[in-house]
N, C-alpha and C. Protein backbone atom coordinates (compact mmCIF):
# COMPACT_ATOMS: atom_id res chain seq x y z
N MET A 1 0.82 -1.20 0.00
CA MET A 1 0.00 0.00 0.00
C MET A 1 0.87 1.26 0.00
N ALA A 2 1.96 1.21 0.75
CA ALA A 2 2.84 2.38 0.81
C ALA A 2 3.50 2.63 -0.55
N LYS A 3 3.86 1.54 -1.24
CA LYS A 3 4.47 1.71 -2.57
C LYS A 3 3.49 2.36 -3.54
N ARG A 4 2.22 1.99 -3.43
CA ARG A 4 1.21 2.56 -4.32
C ARG A 4 1.04 4.05 -4.04
N ILE A 5 1.01 4.44 -2.77
CA ILE A 5 0.86 5.85 -2.41
C ILE A 5 2.07 6.65 -2.88
N ILE A 6 3.27 6.10 -2.65
CA ILE A 6 4.48 6.80 -3.09
C ILE A 6 4.50 6.90 -4.61
N GLY A 7 4.05 5.83 -5.29
CA GLY A 7 3.98 5.87 -6.75
C GLY A 7 3.08 6.98 -7.24
N TRP A 8 1.92 7.13 -6.62
CA TRP A 8 1.00 8.20 -7.01
C TRP A 8 1.57 9.56 -6.68
N LEU A 9 2.28 9.67 -5.55
CA LEU A 9 2.89 10.95 -5.18
C LEU A 9 3.98 11.36 -6.16
N VAL A 10 4.59 10.41 -6.83
CA VAL A 10 5.59 10.71 -7.85
C VAL A 10 4.92 10.89 -9.21
N LEU A 11 3.93 10.05 -9.51
CA LEU A 11 3.31 10.05 -10.84
C LEU A 11 2.50 11.32 -11.11
N ILE A 12 1.75 11.81 -10.15
CA ILE A 12 0.91 12.99 -10.37
C ILE A 12 1.75 14.23 -10.67
N PRO A 13 2.79 14.55 -9.89
CA PRO A 13 3.62 15.71 -10.26
C PRO A 13 4.35 15.52 -11.59
N LEU A 14 4.77 14.29 -11.88
CA LEU A 14 5.44 14.03 -13.15
C LEU A 14 4.50 14.28 -14.32
N CYS A 15 3.27 13.82 -14.22
CA CYS A 15 2.28 14.08 -15.27
C CYS A 15 2.01 15.58 -15.41
N ALA A 16 1.96 16.29 -14.30
CA ALA A 16 1.73 17.73 -14.34
C ALA A 16 2.89 18.44 -15.06
N VAL A 17 4.12 18.01 -14.78
CA VAL A 17 5.28 18.62 -15.43
C VAL A 17 5.26 18.33 -16.93
N ILE A 18 4.91 17.12 -17.31
CA ILE A 18 4.83 16.77 -18.74
C ILE A 18 3.75 17.58 -19.44
N LEU A 19 2.62 17.75 -18.79
CA LEU A 19 1.54 18.54 -19.37
C LEU A 19 1.94 20.00 -19.53
N VAL A 20 2.56 20.59 -18.53
CA VAL A 20 3.00 21.99 -18.61
C VAL A 20 4.06 22.13 -19.71
N PHE A 21 4.96 21.17 -19.82
CA PHE A 21 5.98 21.21 -20.87
C PHE A 21 5.33 21.18 -22.25
N ALA A 22 4.34 20.31 -22.43
CA ALA A 22 3.66 20.21 -23.72
C ALA A 22 2.93 21.50 -24.06
N LEU A 23 2.28 22.10 -23.08
CA LEU A 23 1.56 23.35 -23.34
C LEU A 23 2.51 24.50 -23.63
N ALA A 24 3.69 24.50 -23.03
CA ALA A 24 4.64 25.59 -23.24
C ALA A 24 5.39 25.46 -24.56
N ASN A 25 5.40 24.28 -25.16
CA ASN A 25 6.17 24.05 -26.39
C ASN A 25 5.27 23.61 -27.54
N ARG A 26 4.23 24.38 -27.78
CA ARG A 26 3.29 24.07 -28.85
C ARG A 26 3.69 24.67 -30.18
N HIS A 27 4.65 25.56 -30.20
CA HIS A 27 5.01 26.22 -31.45
C HIS A 27 5.67 25.23 -32.41
N PRO A 28 5.37 25.38 -33.71
CA PRO A 28 5.94 24.45 -34.68
C PRO A 28 7.42 24.72 -34.93
N VAL A 29 8.16 23.67 -35.09
CA VAL A 29 9.58 23.78 -35.41
C VAL A 29 9.84 22.95 -36.66
N PRO A 30 10.75 23.41 -37.51
CA PRO A 30 11.06 22.62 -38.72
C PRO A 30 11.89 21.40 -38.35
N VAL A 31 11.60 20.31 -39.00
CA VAL A 31 12.35 19.06 -38.76
C VAL A 31 13.13 18.73 -40.02
N ASN A 32 14.41 18.49 -39.85
CA ASN A 32 15.28 18.17 -40.97
C ASN A 32 16.22 17.06 -40.53
N PHE A 33 16.31 15.99 -41.30
CA PHE A 33 17.18 14.88 -40.95
C PHE A 33 18.54 14.96 -41.66
N ASN A 34 18.74 15.99 -42.47
CA ASN A 34 20.00 16.18 -43.16
C ASN A 34 20.78 17.28 -42.44
N PRO A 35 21.86 16.95 -41.75
CA PRO A 35 22.58 17.97 -40.98
C PRO A 35 23.38 18.93 -41.86
N LEU A 36 23.55 18.63 -43.14
CA LEU A 36 24.34 19.49 -44.02
C LEU A 36 23.52 20.64 -44.60
N ILE A 37 22.20 20.54 -44.56
CA ILE A 37 21.35 21.58 -45.11
C ILE A 37 20.65 22.27 -43.94
N SER A 38 20.83 23.58 -43.86
CA SER A 38 20.15 24.32 -42.80
C SER A 38 18.75 24.69 -43.26
N VAL A 39 17.84 24.72 -42.31
CA VAL A 39 16.45 25.04 -42.62
C VAL A 39 16.17 26.46 -42.15
N ASP A 40 15.60 27.24 -43.04
CA ASP A 40 15.23 28.61 -42.69
C ASP A 40 13.90 28.58 -41.93
N PRO A 41 13.88 29.03 -40.68
CA PRO A 41 12.63 28.99 -39.91
C PRO A 41 11.53 29.85 -40.53
N ALA A 42 11.89 30.84 -41.34
CA ALA A 42 10.89 31.71 -41.95
C ALA A 42 10.36 31.13 -43.26
N ALA A 43 10.94 30.05 -43.74
CA ALA A 43 10.50 29.45 -45.00
C ALA A 43 9.11 28.84 -44.82
N PRO A 44 8.31 28.91 -45.88
CA PRO A 44 6.97 28.33 -45.76
C PRO A 44 7.04 26.81 -45.66
N GLY A 45 6.11 26.27 -44.95
CA GLY A 45 6.06 24.82 -44.78
C GLY A 45 5.45 24.49 -43.43
N ALA A 46 5.14 23.27 -43.30
CA ALA A 46 4.52 22.84 -42.05
C ALA A 46 5.60 22.40 -41.08
N GLY A 47 5.43 22.76 -39.85
CA GLY A 47 6.34 22.34 -38.80
C GLY A 47 5.62 21.37 -37.87
N VAL A 48 6.38 20.82 -36.98
CA VAL A 48 5.84 19.89 -36.00
C VAL A 48 6.03 20.51 -34.63
N PRO A 49 5.02 20.40 -33.75
CA PRO A 49 5.20 20.96 -32.40
C PRO A 49 6.39 20.29 -31.70
N LEU A 50 7.14 21.11 -30.98
CA LEU A 50 8.36 20.64 -30.34
C LEU A 50 8.09 19.50 -29.36
N PHE A 51 7.00 19.57 -28.60
CA PHE A 51 6.75 18.52 -27.62
C PHE A 51 6.49 17.17 -28.29
N LEU A 52 5.91 17.18 -29.51
CA LEU A 52 5.71 15.91 -30.21
C LEU A 52 7.04 15.29 -30.63
N ILE A 53 7.97 16.13 -31.04
CA ILE A 53 9.29 15.62 -31.42
C ILE A 53 9.98 15.01 -30.21
N ILE A 54 9.95 15.71 -29.09
CA ILE A 54 10.61 15.21 -27.89
C ILE A 54 9.94 13.93 -27.40
N TYR A 55 8.60 13.87 -27.40
CA TYR A 55 7.89 12.66 -26.98
C TYR A 55 8.18 11.50 -27.91
N ALA A 56 8.26 11.77 -29.21
CA ALA A 56 8.56 10.70 -30.16
C ALA A 56 9.97 10.15 -29.94
N VAL A 57 10.92 11.02 -29.67
CA VAL A 57 12.29 10.57 -29.41
C VAL A 57 12.34 9.76 -28.12
N LEU A 58 11.64 10.21 -27.09
CA LEU A 58 11.59 9.46 -25.82
C LEU A 58 10.95 8.09 -26.02
N PHE A 59 9.84 8.05 -26.75
CA PHE A 59 9.17 6.77 -27.00
C PHE A 59 10.07 5.83 -27.78
N PHE A 60 10.75 6.37 -28.80
CA PHE A 60 11.67 5.56 -29.59
C PHE A 60 12.81 5.01 -28.73
N GLY A 61 13.33 5.83 -27.83
CA GLY A 61 14.40 5.39 -26.93
C GLY A 61 13.94 4.31 -25.97
N ILE A 62 12.72 4.47 -25.43
CA ILE A 62 12.18 3.46 -24.52
C ILE A 62 11.95 2.15 -25.26
N ALA A 63 11.40 2.22 -26.47
CA ALA A 63 11.16 1.01 -27.26
C ALA A 63 12.48 0.33 -27.62
N LEU A 64 13.46 1.10 -28.03
CA LEU A 64 14.77 0.54 -28.38
C LEU A 64 15.43 -0.10 -27.16
N GLY A 65 15.34 0.54 -26.01
CA GLY A 65 15.88 -0.04 -24.78
C GLY A 65 15.18 -1.33 -24.39
N GLY A 66 13.85 -1.36 -24.55
CA GLY A 66 13.09 -2.57 -24.24
C GLY A 66 13.48 -3.73 -25.14
N ILE A 67 13.67 -3.44 -26.42
CA ILE A 67 14.09 -4.49 -27.36
C ILE A 67 15.48 -4.99 -26.99
N ALA A 68 16.39 -4.09 -26.64
CA ALA A 68 17.75 -4.50 -26.27
C ALA A 68 17.73 -5.37 -25.02
N VAL A 69 16.92 -5.01 -24.04
CA VAL A 69 16.83 -5.81 -22.81
C VAL A 69 16.22 -7.17 -23.12
N TRP A 70 15.22 -7.21 -24.00
CA TRP A 70 14.58 -8.47 -24.35
C TRP A 70 15.59 -9.42 -24.98
N PHE A 71 16.44 -8.91 -25.89
CA PHE A 71 17.46 -9.76 -26.50
C PHE A 71 18.52 -10.16 -25.47
N ALA A 72 18.88 -9.26 -24.58
CA ALA A 72 19.91 -9.57 -23.58
C ALA A 72 19.42 -10.63 -22.59
N GLN A 73 18.12 -10.66 -22.31
CA GLN A 73 17.58 -11.63 -21.35
C GLN A 73 17.24 -12.97 -22.00
N GLY A 74 17.53 -13.15 -23.28
CA GLY A 74 17.20 -14.39 -23.98
C GLY A 74 17.82 -15.62 -23.34
N GLN A 75 19.08 -15.53 -22.93
CA GLN A 75 19.74 -16.66 -22.29
C GLN A 75 19.04 -17.03 -20.99
N HIS A 76 18.63 -16.04 -20.22
CA HIS A 76 17.98 -16.32 -18.94
C HIS A 76 16.61 -16.96 -19.16
N ARG A 77 15.87 -16.49 -20.15
CA ARG A 77 14.57 -17.10 -20.44
C ARG A 77 14.74 -18.54 -20.91
N ARG A 78 15.75 -18.79 -21.73
CA ARG A 78 16.01 -20.15 -22.20
C ARG A 78 16.37 -21.06 -21.03
N ALA A 79 17.24 -20.60 -20.14
CA ALA A 79 17.60 -21.40 -18.96
C ALA A 79 16.38 -21.65 -18.07
N GLU A 80 15.54 -20.63 -17.92
CA GLU A 80 14.31 -20.78 -17.11
C GLU A 80 13.40 -21.84 -17.71
N ARG A 81 13.23 -21.85 -19.02
CA ARG A 81 12.41 -22.89 -19.66
C ARG A 81 13.00 -24.27 -19.43
N ARG A 82 14.32 -24.37 -19.55
CA ARG A 82 14.98 -25.66 -19.35
C ARG A 82 14.79 -26.15 -17.91
N TRP A 83 14.96 -25.26 -16.93
CA TRP A 83 14.79 -25.65 -15.53
C TRP A 83 13.34 -25.99 -15.24
N ARG A 84 12.42 -25.27 -15.84
CA ARG A 84 11.00 -25.56 -15.62
C ARG A 84 10.63 -26.93 -16.17
N LYS A 85 11.14 -27.26 -17.37
CA LYS A 85 10.87 -28.57 -17.95
C LYS A 85 11.46 -29.68 -17.09
N GLU A 86 12.68 -29.44 -16.60
CA GLU A 86 13.31 -30.44 -15.75
C GLU A 86 12.54 -30.61 -14.44
N ALA A 87 12.07 -29.52 -13.85
CA ALA A 87 11.29 -29.61 -12.62
C ALA A 87 9.98 -30.35 -12.85
N GLU A 88 9.32 -30.09 -13.98
CA GLU A 88 8.08 -30.81 -14.28
C GLU A 88 8.35 -32.30 -14.48
N LYS A 89 9.44 -32.62 -15.15
CA LYS A 89 9.80 -34.03 -15.37
C LYS A 89 10.06 -34.72 -14.03
N LEU A 90 10.81 -34.06 -13.16
CA LEU A 90 11.10 -34.64 -11.85
C LEU A 90 9.83 -34.76 -11.00
N GLN A 91 8.93 -33.78 -11.13
CA GLN A 91 7.66 -33.85 -10.40
C GLN A 91 6.83 -35.04 -10.88
N ARG A 92 6.75 -35.26 -12.18
CA ARG A 92 6.02 -36.43 -12.70
C ARG A 92 6.67 -37.73 -12.24
N GLU A 93 8.00 -37.75 -12.25
CA GLU A 93 8.70 -38.95 -11.79
C GLU A 93 8.43 -39.21 -10.32
N LEU A 94 8.43 -38.17 -9.50
CA LEU A 94 8.16 -38.31 -8.07
C LEU A 94 6.74 -38.80 -7.83
N GLU A 95 5.78 -38.23 -8.57
CA GLU A 95 4.40 -38.68 -8.43
C GLU A 95 4.26 -40.13 -8.85
N GLY A 96 5.01 -40.55 -9.88
CA GLY A 96 4.97 -41.95 -10.30
C GLY A 96 5.54 -42.87 -9.25
N VAL A 97 6.62 -42.44 -8.61
CA VAL A 97 7.24 -43.26 -7.56
C VAL A 97 6.33 -43.33 -6.34
N ARG A 98 5.70 -42.24 -5.98
CA ARG A 98 4.79 -42.22 -4.82
C ARG A 98 3.55 -43.07 -5.07
N GLY A 99 3.11 -43.15 -6.30
CA GLY A 99 1.91 -43.91 -6.62
C GLY A 99 2.15 -45.41 -6.70
N ARG A 100 3.40 -45.83 -6.88
CA ARG A 100 3.73 -47.24 -6.99
C ARG A 100 3.85 -47.87 -5.61
N PRO A 101 3.31 -49.08 -5.43
CA PRO A 101 3.49 -49.74 -4.14
C PRO A 101 4.95 -50.17 -3.96
N ALA A 102 5.41 -50.12 -2.73
CA ALA A 102 6.80 -50.48 -2.44
C ALA A 102 6.96 -51.99 -2.53
N ARG A 103 8.11 -52.43 -3.05
CA ARG A 103 8.38 -53.86 -3.17
C ARG A 103 9.31 -54.26 -2.04
N ARG A 104 8.74 -54.42 -0.87
CA ARG A 104 9.53 -54.72 0.31
C ARG A 104 10.07 -56.16 0.29
N GLU A 105 9.30 -57.05 -0.28
CA GLU A 105 9.72 -58.44 -0.26
C GLU A 105 10.89 -58.71 -1.19
N THR A 106 11.03 -57.93 -2.24
CA THR A 106 12.12 -58.17 -3.18
C THR A 106 13.36 -57.35 -2.84
N ASP A 107 13.20 -56.28 -2.10
CA ASP A 107 14.33 -55.42 -1.77
C ASP A 107 14.75 -55.66 -0.33
N PRO A 108 15.93 -56.24 -0.09
CA PRO A 108 16.34 -56.54 1.29
C PRO A 108 16.57 -55.28 2.12
N ALA A 109 16.95 -54.17 1.48
CA ALA A 109 17.17 -52.94 2.25
C ALA A 109 15.85 -52.43 2.81
N LEU A 110 14.77 -52.49 2.03
CA LEU A 110 13.46 -52.06 2.52
C LEU A 110 12.95 -53.00 3.60
N ALA A 111 13.20 -54.27 3.47
CA ALA A 111 12.77 -55.22 4.49
C ALA A 111 13.50 -54.98 5.80
N ALA A 112 14.80 -54.67 5.71
CA ALA A 112 15.59 -54.40 6.91
C ALA A 112 15.10 -53.11 7.58
N ALA A 113 14.72 -52.12 6.79
CA ALA A 113 14.22 -50.86 7.34
C ALA A 113 12.89 -51.10 8.04
N ASP A 114 12.03 -51.96 7.50
CA ASP A 114 10.77 -52.27 8.14
C ASP A 114 10.98 -52.99 9.47
N GLU A 115 11.99 -53.85 9.52
CA GLU A 115 12.26 -54.58 10.76
C GLU A 115 12.74 -53.64 11.83
N LEU A 116 13.51 -52.63 11.46
CA LEU A 116 14.00 -51.66 12.44
C LEU A 116 12.87 -50.78 12.96
N ALA A 117 11.91 -50.52 12.14
CA ALA A 117 10.80 -49.66 12.56
C ALA A 117 9.90 -50.46 13.45
């Protein structure tokens, strides 16, 4: 419960700051992907609001980071699947052994253990 309250205490001001930033940066800016050609801000054409450019770059960075982490964790996921399969196999084997009646008469070690008990 405390984590949820602290999360909201951080999330609400952060959302407010993002909203104020977006409202303050509504003016259109020219976008150019060629660094060798300068763009004249007075030239006619459509611009993109600055906050959209910044949000798009942030979203692209978050998505790229998520993809990189997903690829980096591939070995761990593979090992987890292998361990899970092995645990399921051992669980089935254990259930099979528990369901089978003990062969005390054929195994002298089990017969000796019964005599001691």
